[in-house]
Amino acid sequence: MTAGLRITEVERITLHVPFRSRVEPWLNLLNFQWGIVEVIRVVTDSGHVGYGETLPHYTWGKVSDEAIERVKGKNPADFLSEDSLGAGLQMALWDVTAKSLDVPVYKLLGTPKVRDWAPIAWWTTKAPPEIAAAEAADAVKEGYFAHKFKARPWFDVYEAVKLVSEATPPGFKIDVDWNGLLVNAGNAIPVLSELDKNPKVAIYESPIPHEDIEGYQKIRKQIKNPLAIHFGGIPTFSQALESQMCDGFVVHNGVSDVLRKGALAAAFNKPFWLQLVGPGLTTALSAHLGGVLTHAQWPAISCLNIYADDLLVEPHTIAGGFIKVPEGPGLGVEFDESAIARYRMEPPYEIPEPKRILSVRFESGRTVHLTKIWEVWKEFQKGHLPAQEPGVRMHVTFDDGTPEWADLFARASESAVYDLT
């Protein structure tokens, strides 16, 4: 890198990137804004160009106008450790700095590379069991050997695990994340004990709320597979270690924070999976981090597979459950400039939530109707509904123009409508 390297231009471009068709209806229940991707392009006086990307509606750090103004005219290497700049800008600075040195990003991360191929998982949002199984079959075809999916008490997790297992070869691994929706240890232990019987089930993430340390201790004593929680917050890392409530962690946030957390986890021999979410550029950064962090041993989650376009000229190399750590300069991948014309989005950078009725039906015949997924979440979170009943199913209906639909929508918008007939 030349001594006078300076940033001459920072451009932000917002795209609306489509989801893959099979998962789009289910992502649209909660994650419909994830298709909005802000690309940051950084240009230096040496002619090098760096790229980064942010999911502005799901990120550890948005890029502000102040952050962009702060780096203009400066040496990008001066800001590499500053997570406060936000996801896309920090990523672009790592990319352009490494390009100016003609080295891959991993060589600048301050620790030797420990693997050429980093573990990676396919990811599926909360969806019916047959959707999870079809996604798992695609995962195998595309080189993945682990599948993490969101378990929800409004879908039958036992059927999902069964179908995913049947759709995949021996050695395939299934990781299941409840985001705390099993509510308490009394609910969780029978569910996890049953899933423990399937040899493909590997890791359980956040079966109950993280602050319930005693509950995690009870669960951990009675189940076979490892438990994972998010690194930091409540409980703190030290509390999690002292209480022995979990076996490993989910690690995310900016580069400096990820490196710090990775070093701490390694010091106490705790495995973790990386969770940096976004299309191809984000996945590249995750691969570089996975290449140097010794205890990034669980398959990383980037959610690359949910997008119909990775925004790269050439796709990542994924085989046998691993992603090849890029060896080219910078992030080691080339952003597809033609994607800008295809997907450029005009403000406001937000997608309106569609009107719909969400009906959770139990095998007993009970049904509860709501209109917002967060309201469904709260009904289960409060313990108003069974934590994980076999045969449960969510049905989504859109406005059919009938007075009956309009009436139910109006009532379900106010509070949960219970149909107990």
Protein backbone atom coordinates (compact mmCIF):
# COMPACT_ATOMS: atom_id res chain seq x y z
CA MET A 1 0.00 0.00 0.00
CA THR A 2 1.37 3.38 -0.93
CA ALA A 3 2.10 5.74 1.94
CA GLY A 4 -0.34 8.30 0.59
CA LEU A 5 -3.32 5.99 0.20
CA ARG A 6 -6.50 7.98 0.71
CA ILE A 7 -10.21 7.40 0.31
CA THR A 8 -11.51 9.65 -2.45
CA GLU A 9 -15.09 8.42 -2.75
CA VAL A 10 -17.67 6.50 -0.74
CA GLU A 11 -20.89 5.54 -2.47
CA ARG A 12 -23.94 3.81 -1.02
CA ILE A 13 -26.35 1.93 -3.29
CA THR A 14 -29.50 0.24 -2.04
CA LEU A 15 -30.71 -2.90 -3.79
CA HIS A 16 -33.79 -5.07 -3.45
CA VAL A 17 -32.44 -8.59 -3.95
CA PRO A 18 -35.05 -11.33 -4.53
CA PHE A 19 -35.34 -14.39 -2.34
CA ARG A 20 -35.44 -17.91 -3.74
CA SER A 21 -39.03 -18.72 -4.63
CA ARG A 22 -39.56 -21.68 -2.28
CA VAL A 23 -38.62 -19.80 0.88
CA GLU A 24 -39.91 -16.38 -0.11
CA PRO A 25 -43.44 -16.85 1.33
CA TRP A 26 -42.02 -17.96 4.68
CA LEU A 27 -39.32 -15.32 4.84
CA ASN A 28 -42.05 -12.80 4.17
CA LEU A 29 -43.69 -13.68 7.48
CA LEU A 30 -40.93 -11.94 9.42
CA ASN A 31 -37.77 -11.43 7.35
CA PHE A 32 -39.29 -9.65 4.33
CA GLN A 33 -36.93 -6.69 4.79
CA TRP A 34 -33.83 -8.90 4.46
CA GLY A 35 -33.98 -8.53 0.68
CA ILE A 36 -32.95 -4.89 1.09
CA VAL A 37 -29.15 -4.78 0.74
CA GLU A 38 -27.12 -1.58 1.00
CA VAL A 39 -23.88 -1.86 -0.96
CA ILE A 40 -20.96 0.40 -0.01
CA ARG A 41 -18.33 1.17 -2.65
CA VAL A 42 -15.06 2.75 -1.46
CA VAL A 43 -12.57 4.20 -3.96
CA THR A 44 -9.00 5.22 -3.15
CA ASP A 45 -6.54 7.52 -4.89
CA SER A 46 -4.54 4.44 -5.87
CA GLY A 47 -7.45 3.24 -8.01
CA HIS A 48 -8.40 0.36 -5.72
CA VAL A 49 -12.11 -0.21 -5.10
CA GLY A 50 -13.55 -1.99 -2.08
CA TYR A 51 -17.07 -3.30 -1.53
CA GLY A 52 -19.17 -4.13 1.49
CA GLU A 53 -22.81 -4.81 2.18
CA THR A 54 -25.30 -4.21 4.98
CA LEU A 55 -28.78 -5.55 5.62
CA PRO A 56 -30.10 -2.26 7.05
CA HIS A 57 -33.12 -3.96 8.61
CA TYR A 58 -31.02 -6.73 10.19
CA THR A 59 -27.50 -5.77 11.14
CA TRP A 60 -25.22 -5.35 14.12
CA GLY A 61 -24.44 -1.84 12.84
CA LYS A 62 -25.95 0.45 10.21
CA VAL A 63 -23.71 2.75 8.19
CA SER A 64 -24.42 6.40 8.98
CA ASP A 65 -23.77 9.50 6.88
CA GLU A 66 -21.45 10.66 9.66
CA ALA A 67 -19.37 7.48 9.39
CA ILE A 68 -18.99 7.95 5.64
CA GLU A 69 -17.90 11.58 6.03
CA ARG A 70 -15.48 10.54 8.76
CA VAL A 71 -13.45 8.21 6.53
CA LYS A 72 -13.33 10.37 3.39
CA GLY A 73 -9.85 11.64 2.64
CA LYS A 74 -8.32 9.27 5.19
CA ASN A 75 -6.26 6.11 4.97
CA PRO A 76 -8.68 3.13 5.11
CA ALA A 77 -6.20 1.14 7.24
CA ASP A 78 -6.75 3.62 10.07
CA PHE A 79 -10.35 2.42 10.51
CA LEU A 80 -10.20 -1.34 10.20
CA SER A 81 -10.74 -1.95 13.91
CA GLU A 82 -13.70 0.44 14.21
CA ASP A 83 -16.86 -1.63 14.33
CA SER A 84 -18.83 1.57 14.96
CA LEU A 85 -18.61 2.42 11.26
CA GLY A 86 -21.26 -0.20 10.49
CA ALA A 87 -21.26 -3.47 8.60
CA GLY A 88 -20.96 -2.47 4.94
CA LEU A 89 -18.47 0.36 5.40
CA GLN A 90 -16.17 -1.65 7.65
CA MET A 91 -16.32 -4.55 5.18
CA ALA A 92 -15.46 -2.27 2.25
CA LEU A 93 -12.49 -0.81 4.14
CA TRP A 94 -11.10 -4.29 4.83
CA ASP A 95 -11.62 -5.16 1.17
CA VAL A 96 -9.90 -2.07 -0.24
CA THR A 97 -7.01 -2.14 2.26
CA ALA A 98 -6.22 -5.78 1.52
CA LYS A 99 -6.51 -5.13 -2.22
CA SER A 100 -4.02 -2.27 -1.97
CA LEU A 101 -1.57 -4.71 -0.34
CA ASP A 102 -2.43 -7.47 -2.85
CA VAL A 103 -3.30 -9.91 -0.06
CA PRO A 104 -6.49 -11.65 1.07
CA VAL A 105 -8.30 -10.19 4.08
CA TYR A 106 -7.44 -13.13 6.31
CA LYS A 107 -3.76 -12.17 6.20
CA LEU A 108 -4.57 -8.88 7.94
CA LEU A 109 -6.69 -10.31 10.75
CA GLY A 110 -3.75 -10.65 13.13
CA THR A 111 -3.77 -14.41 13.59
CA PRO A 112 -2.55 -17.22 11.34
CA LYS A 113 -4.92 -19.08 9.04
CA VAL A 114 -5.85 -22.42 10.59
CA ARG A 115 -8.03 -23.84 7.80
CA ASP A 116 -8.39 -23.46 4.04
CA TRP A 117 -12.02 -24.54 4.12
CA ALA A 118 -14.40 -23.16 6.75
CA PRO A 119 -17.55 -25.00 7.86
CA ILE A 120 -20.81 -23.50 6.61
CA ALA A 121 -24.50 -24.35 7.02
CA TRP A 122 -27.61 -23.94 4.92
CA TRP A 123 -30.25 -21.86 6.71
CA THR A 124 -34.03 -22.01 6.61
CA THR A 125 -36.47 -19.67 8.28
CA LYS A 126 -39.51 -20.92 10.15
CA ALA A 127 -41.42 -22.99 7.58
CA PRO A 128 -43.54 -26.14 7.21
CA PRO A 129 -41.68 -29.49 7.51
CA GLU A 130 -41.91 -30.26 3.78
CA ILE A 131 -40.29 -26.92 2.95
CA ALA A 132 -37.42 -27.62 5.36
CA ALA A 133 -36.94 -31.05 3.76
CA ALA A 134 -36.91 -29.68 0.22
CA GLU A 135 -34.41 -27.05 1.31
CA ALA A 136 -32.20 -29.72 2.87
CA ALA A 137 -32.21 -31.69 -0.39
CA ASP A 138 -31.07 -28.57 -2.24
CA ALA A 139 -28.43 -27.97 0.42
CA VAL A 140 -26.85 -31.34 -0.34
CA LYS A 141 -26.87 -30.64 -4.09
CA GLU A 142 -25.10 -27.32 -3.50
CA GLY A 143 -22.33 -28.73 -1.33
CA TYR A 144 -23.68 -28.19 2.19
CA PHE A 145 -23.63 -30.90 4.83
CA ALA A 146 -25.35 -29.06 7.68
CA HIS A 147 -28.74 -27.41 7.88
CA LYS A 148 -29.77 -24.96 10.57
CA PHE A 149 -33.44 -24.13 10.69
CA LYS A 150 -35.75 -22.10 12.87
CA ALA A 151 -38.02 -24.30 14.95
CA ARG A 152 -41.27 -22.72 15.99
CA PRO A 153 -44.10 -24.10 18.13
CA TRP A 154 -46.51 -23.37 15.27
CA PHE A 155 -44.77 -25.97 13.06
CA ASP A 156 -44.18 -29.64 13.87
CA VAL A 157 -40.45 -29.86 14.64
CA TYR A 158 -40.58 -33.66 14.98
CA GLU A 159 -41.93 -34.00 11.45
CA ALA A 160 -39.43 -31.42 10.17
CA VAL A 161 -36.45 -33.31 11.61
CA LYS A 162 -37.84 -36.61 10.29
CA LEU A 163 -38.32 -35.28 6.75
CA VAL A 164 -34.98 -33.45 6.66
CA SER A 165 -33.27 -36.61 7.88
CA GLU A 166 -34.95 -38.70 5.18
CA ALA A 167 -33.97 -36.19 2.47
CA THR A 168 -30.26 -36.19 3.32
CA PRO A 169 -27.36 -38.68 3.27
CA PRO A 170 -25.61 -40.25 6.25
CA GLY A 171 -23.44 -37.79 8.15
CA PHE A 172 -25.63 -34.79 7.37
CA LYS A 173 -26.18 -32.61 10.45
CA ILE A 174 -29.24 -30.69 11.64
CA ASP A 175 -29.04 -27.70 13.99
CA VAL A 176 -32.27 -26.37 15.49
CA ASP A 177 -32.94 -22.85 16.85
CA TRP A 178 -36.03 -21.93 18.92
CA ASN A 179 -35.12 -18.37 19.91
CA GLY A 180 -36.34 -19.17 23.42
CA LEU A 181 -39.84 -20.29 22.36
CA LEU A 182 -39.85 -23.55 24.32
CA VAL A 183 -40.23 -21.09 27.23
CA ASN A 184 -38.92 -23.25 30.12
CA ALA A 185 -36.96 -26.39 30.92
CA GLY A 186 -40.10 -28.39 31.64
CA ASN A 187 -41.24 -27.86 28.07
CA ALA A 188 -37.80 -28.16 26.50
CA ILE A 189 -36.48 -31.39 28.03
CA PRO A 190 -39.12 -33.74 26.53
CA VAL A 191 -38.79 -32.08 23.10
CA LEU A 192 -35.00 -32.17 23.01
CA SER A 193 -34.86 -35.69 24.46
CA GLU A 194 -37.05 -36.90 21.59
CA LEU A 195 -34.94 -35.11 18.98
CA ASP A 196 -31.79 -36.53 20.60
CA LYS A 197 -32.85 -39.92 19.24
CA ASN A 198 -32.12 -38.83 15.67
CA PRO A 199 -28.37 -39.22 14.95
CA LYS A 200 -28.41 -36.35 12.47
CA VAL A 201 -29.51 -33.77 15.04
CA ALA A 202 -26.36 -31.98 16.19
CA ILE A 203 -26.89 -28.69 18.09
CA TYR A 204 -29.75 -26.90 19.85
CA GLU A 205 -29.69 -23.10 19.94
CA SER A 206 -31.60 -21.05 22.50
CA PRO A 207 -34.39 -23.49 23.39
CA ILE A 208 -35.47 -21.24 26.27
CA PRO A 209 -34.71 -17.60 27.17
CA HIS A 210 -31.01 -17.05 27.91
CA GLU A 211 -31.56 -15.45 31.29
CA ASP A 212 -32.96 -18.75 32.63
CA ILE A 213 -29.56 -20.09 33.67
CA GLU A 214 -31.00 -22.71 36.01
CA GLY A 215 -33.23 -23.95 33.19
CA TYR A 216 -30.24 -24.38 30.89
CA GLN A 217 -28.41 -26.29 33.61
CA LYS A 218 -31.35 -28.68 33.95
CA ILE A 219 -31.60 -29.16 30.20
CA ARG A 220 -27.88 -29.72 29.76
CA LYS A 221 -27.88 -32.49 32.37
CA GLN A 222 -30.60 -34.43 30.59
CA ILE A 223 -29.91 -34.16 26.87
CA LYS A 224 -27.19 -35.54 24.65
CA ASN A 225 -26.54 -32.83 22.07
CA PRO A 226 -24.74 -29.53 22.78
CA LEU A 227 -26.55 -26.32 23.69
CA ALA A 228 -25.63 -22.97 22.15
CA ILE A 229 -26.50 -19.42 23.18
CA HIS A 230 -25.50 -16.01 21.83
CA PHE A 231 -22.17 -14.72 23.06
CA GLY A 232 -22.55 -11.77 25.44
CA GLY A 233 -25.53 -9.81 26.66
CA ILE A 234 -27.53 -11.61 29.33
CA PRO A 235 -25.95 -13.78 30.56
CA THR A 236 -22.42 -12.48 30.14
CA PHE A 237 -19.74 -14.76 28.77
CA SER A 238 -18.27 -15.23 32.24
CA GLN A 239 -21.69 -16.10 33.71
CA ALA A 240 -22.28 -18.64 30.97
CA LEU A 241 -18.90 -20.24 31.68
CA GLU A 242 -19.27 -20.25 35.46
CA SER A 243 -22.77 -21.71 35.37
CA GLN A 244 -21.86 -24.33 32.74
CA MET A 245 -25.20 -23.63 31.08
CA CYS A 246 -24.09 -24.21 27.48
CA ASP A 247 -21.53 -25.97 25.31
CA GLY A 248 -20.82 -23.25 22.76
CA PHE A 249 -21.87 -19.93 21.29
CA VAL A 250 -23.19 -17.91 18.40
CA VAL A 251 -20.70 -15.16 17.51
CA HIS A 252 -21.56 -12.09 15.43
CA ASN A 253 -21.07 -8.28 15.16
CA GLY A 254 -18.17 -6.30 13.68
CA VAL A 255 -14.77 -7.67 12.79
CA SER A 256 -12.98 -6.53 15.96
CA ASP A 257 -15.74 -7.84 18.19
CA VAL A 258 -15.82 -11.17 16.39
CA LEU A 259 -12.05 -11.55 16.73
CA ARG A 260 -12.27 -10.71 20.44
CA LYS A 261 -15.09 -13.14 21.07
CA GLY A 262 -13.35 -15.82 19.02
CA ALA A 263 -10.20 -15.46 21.11
CA LEU A 264 -12.16 -15.67 24.36
CA ALA A 265 -14.04 -18.75 23.21
CA ALA A 266 -10.76 -20.38 22.21
CA ALA A 267 -9.19 -19.59 25.58
CA PHE A 268 -11.90 -21.68 27.24
CA ASN A 269 -12.11 -24.32 24.49
CA LYS A 270 -15.65 -23.38 23.49
CA PRO A 271 -16.74 -23.96 19.86
CA PHE A 272 -18.99 -21.48 18.10
CA TRP A 273 -20.59 -20.72 14.83
CA LEU A 274 -20.21 -17.40 13.06
CA GLN A 275 -23.42 -15.57 12.21
CA LEU A 276 -22.77 -12.77 9.72
CA VAL A 277 -25.89 -12.53 7.57
CA GLY A 278 -25.99 -11.36 3.96
CA PRO A 279 -25.28 -12.34 0.35
CA GLY A 280 -21.90 -13.02 -1.25
CA LEU A 281 -19.70 -10.26 0.18
CA THR A 282 -20.80 -10.97 3.75
CA THR A 283 -20.27 -14.68 3.20
CA ALA A 284 -16.74 -13.94 1.98
CA LEU A 285 -15.92 -11.97 5.13
CA SER A 286 -17.34 -14.79 7.24
CA ALA A 287 -15.12 -17.27 5.39
CA HIS A 288 -12.00 -15.18 6.08
CA LEU A 289 -12.89 -15.01 9.78
CA GLY A 290 -13.64 -18.72 9.81
CA GLY A 291 -10.25 -19.34 8.27
CA VAL A 292 -8.35 -17.81 11.21
CA LEU A 293 -10.52 -18.44 14.27
CA THR A 294 -9.55 -21.79 15.73
CA HIS A 295 -12.87 -22.45 17.46
CA ALA A 296 -15.16 -21.43 14.60
CA GLN A 297 -15.74 -25.16 14.39
CA TRP A 298 -19.52 -25.21 14.01
CA PRO A 299 -20.95 -24.46 10.54
CA ALA A 300 -21.30 -20.72 10.00
CA ILE A 301 -24.61 -19.03 9.17
CA SER A 302 -24.56 -16.37 6.45
CA CYS A 303 -28.01 -17.14 4.96
CA LEU A 304 -26.41 -16.92 1.49
CA ASN A 305 -28.77 -19.64 0.28
CA ILE A 306 -31.97 -17.59 0.77
CA TYR A 307 -31.03 -15.17 -2.03
CA ALA A 308 -31.76 -15.76 -5.71
CA ASP A 309 -28.59 -13.76 -6.51
CA ASP A 310 -25.37 -13.71 -4.49
CA LEU A 311 -24.32 -10.37 -6.12
CA LEU A 312 -20.99 -11.92 -7.20
CA VAL A 313 -19.49 -12.46 -10.65
CA GLU A 314 -18.37 -15.95 -9.64
CA PRO A 315 -20.03 -17.87 -6.81
CA HIS A 316 -18.30 -19.13 -3.71
CA THR A 317 -16.84 -22.62 -3.81
CA ILE A 318 -18.83 -24.77 -1.38
CA ALA A 319 -18.29 -28.52 -1.14
CA GLY A 320 -18.54 -31.23 1.49
CA GLY A 321 -20.03 -28.83 4.02
CA PHE A 322 -17.20 -26.29 3.72
CA ILE A 323 -16.62 -22.97 1.96
CA LYS A 324 -13.25 -22.29 0.37
CA VAL A 325 -11.54 -19.38 2.09
CA PRO A 326 -10.90 -16.92 -0.81
CA GLU A 327 -7.24 -16.43 -1.75
CA GLY A 328 -7.60 -13.41 -4.03
CA PRO A 329 -6.81 -9.84 -2.92
CA GLY A 330 -9.28 -8.23 -0.52
CA LEU A 331 -12.38 -10.27 0.15
CA GLY A 332 -11.27 -12.42 -2.78
CA VAL A 333 -14.57 -12.15 -4.64
CA GLU A 334 -15.78 -9.77 -7.35
CA PHE A 335 -18.94 -7.78 -6.81
CA ASP A 336 -21.30 -8.00 -9.80
CA GLU A 337 -21.77 -4.40 -10.92
CA SER A 338 -24.57 -5.45 -13.28
CA ALA A 339 -26.70 -6.28 -10.22
CA ILE A 340 -27.08 -2.55 -9.57
CA ALA A 341 -29.18 -2.06 -12.70
CA ARG A 342 -31.25 -5.16 -11.95
CA TYR A 343 -32.06 -4.47 -8.32
CA ARG A 344 -31.53 -0.77 -7.57
CA MET A 345 -34.16 0.42 -5.11
CA GLU A 346 -35.55 3.89 -4.69
CA PRO A 347 -36.40 5.32 -1.26
CA PRO A 348 -38.04 4.71 1.07
CA TYR A 349 -35.89 1.65 1.57
CA GLU A 350 -38.61 -0.39 3.16
CA ILE A 351 -41.09 -3.04 2.07
CA PRO A 352 -44.65 -2.78 3.39
CA GLU A 353 -45.95 -5.76 5.35
CA PRO A 354 -48.84 -7.45 3.53
CA LYS A 355 -52.26 -7.92 5.14
CA ARG A 356 -52.84 -11.56 6.07
CA ILE A 357 -54.35 -13.85 8.66
CA LEU A 358 -52.03 -16.27 10.44
CA SER A 359 -53.95 -19.28 11.73
CA VAL A 360 -52.25 -21.82 14.00
CA ARG A 361 -54.13 -25.11 13.97
CA PHE A 362 -53.57 -27.97 16.39
CA GLU A 363 -54.44 -31.61 15.81
CA SER A 364 -56.99 -31.32 18.60
CA GLY A 365 -58.99 -28.98 16.39
CA ARG A 366 -58.15 -25.80 18.27
CA THR A 367 -57.20 -22.83 16.11
CA VAL A 368 -55.92 -19.37 16.99
CA HIS A 369 -55.94 -16.48 14.49
CA LEU A 370 -53.66 -13.41 14.50
CA THR A 371 -52.40 -11.00 11.86
CA LYS A 372 -48.79 -10.33 12.90
CA ILE A 373 -46.09 -12.95 13.37
CA TRP A 374 -44.81 -11.16 16.48
CA GLU A 375 -48.26 -11.47 18.02
CA VAL A 376 -48.22 -15.22 17.32
CA TRP A 377 -44.78 -15.30 18.93
CA LYS A 378 -46.10 -13.56 22.05
CA GLU A 379 -49.01 -15.99 22.45
CA PHE A 380 -46.56 -18.89 22.68
CA GLN A 381 -44.02 -16.92 24.67
CA LYS A 382 -46.63 -16.18 27.34
CA GLY A 383 -47.44 -19.88 27.62
CA HIS A 384 -50.96 -19.43 26.26
CA LEU A 385 -50.42 -22.22 23.71
CA PRO A 386 -48.65 -25.61 23.77
CA ALA A 387 -44.88 -25.31 23.44
CA GLN A 388 -44.31 -27.92 20.72
CA GLU A 389 -47.32 -30.08 19.96
CA PRO A 390 -47.02 -32.76 17.23
CA GLY A 391 -49.08 -32.03 14.12
CA VAL A 392 -49.34 -28.26 14.70
CA ARG A 393 -49.41 -26.14 11.56
CA MET A 394 -49.63 -22.48 10.59
CA HIS A 395 -51.83 -21.50 7.66
CA VAL A 396 -51.55 -18.11 5.94
CA THR A 397 -54.56 -16.59 4.16
CA PHE A 398 -54.70 -13.34 2.21
CA ASP A 399 -57.64 -11.08 1.55
CA ASP A 400 -60.13 -12.95 -0.65
CA GLY A 401 -62.58 -10.07 -0.76
CA THR A 402 -65.19 -11.78 1.39
CA PRO A 403 -66.89 -10.16 4.39
CA GLU A 404 -65.92 -13.21 6.46
CA TRP A 405 -62.20 -12.67 5.83
CA ALA A 406 -62.48 -8.95 6.56
CA ASP A 407 -64.35 -9.61 9.80
CA LEU A 408 -61.83 -12.17 11.04
CA PHE A 409 -58.93 -9.91 10.05
CA ALA A 410 -60.42 -7.00 11.97
CA ARG A 411 -60.96 -9.08 15.11
CA ALA A 412 -57.56 -10.82 14.90
CA SER A 413 -55.85 -7.44 14.47
CA GLU A 414 -57.14 -6.44 17.89
CA SER A 415 -56.29 -9.64 19.80
CA ALA A 416 -55.94 -13.37 19.33
CA VAL A 417 -59.14 -15.02 18.09
CA TYR A 418 -59.55 -18.51 19.50
CA ASP A 419 -61.66 -21.03 17.62
CA LEU A 420 -62.26 -23.95 19.96
CA THR A 421 -64.96 -25.77 18.00
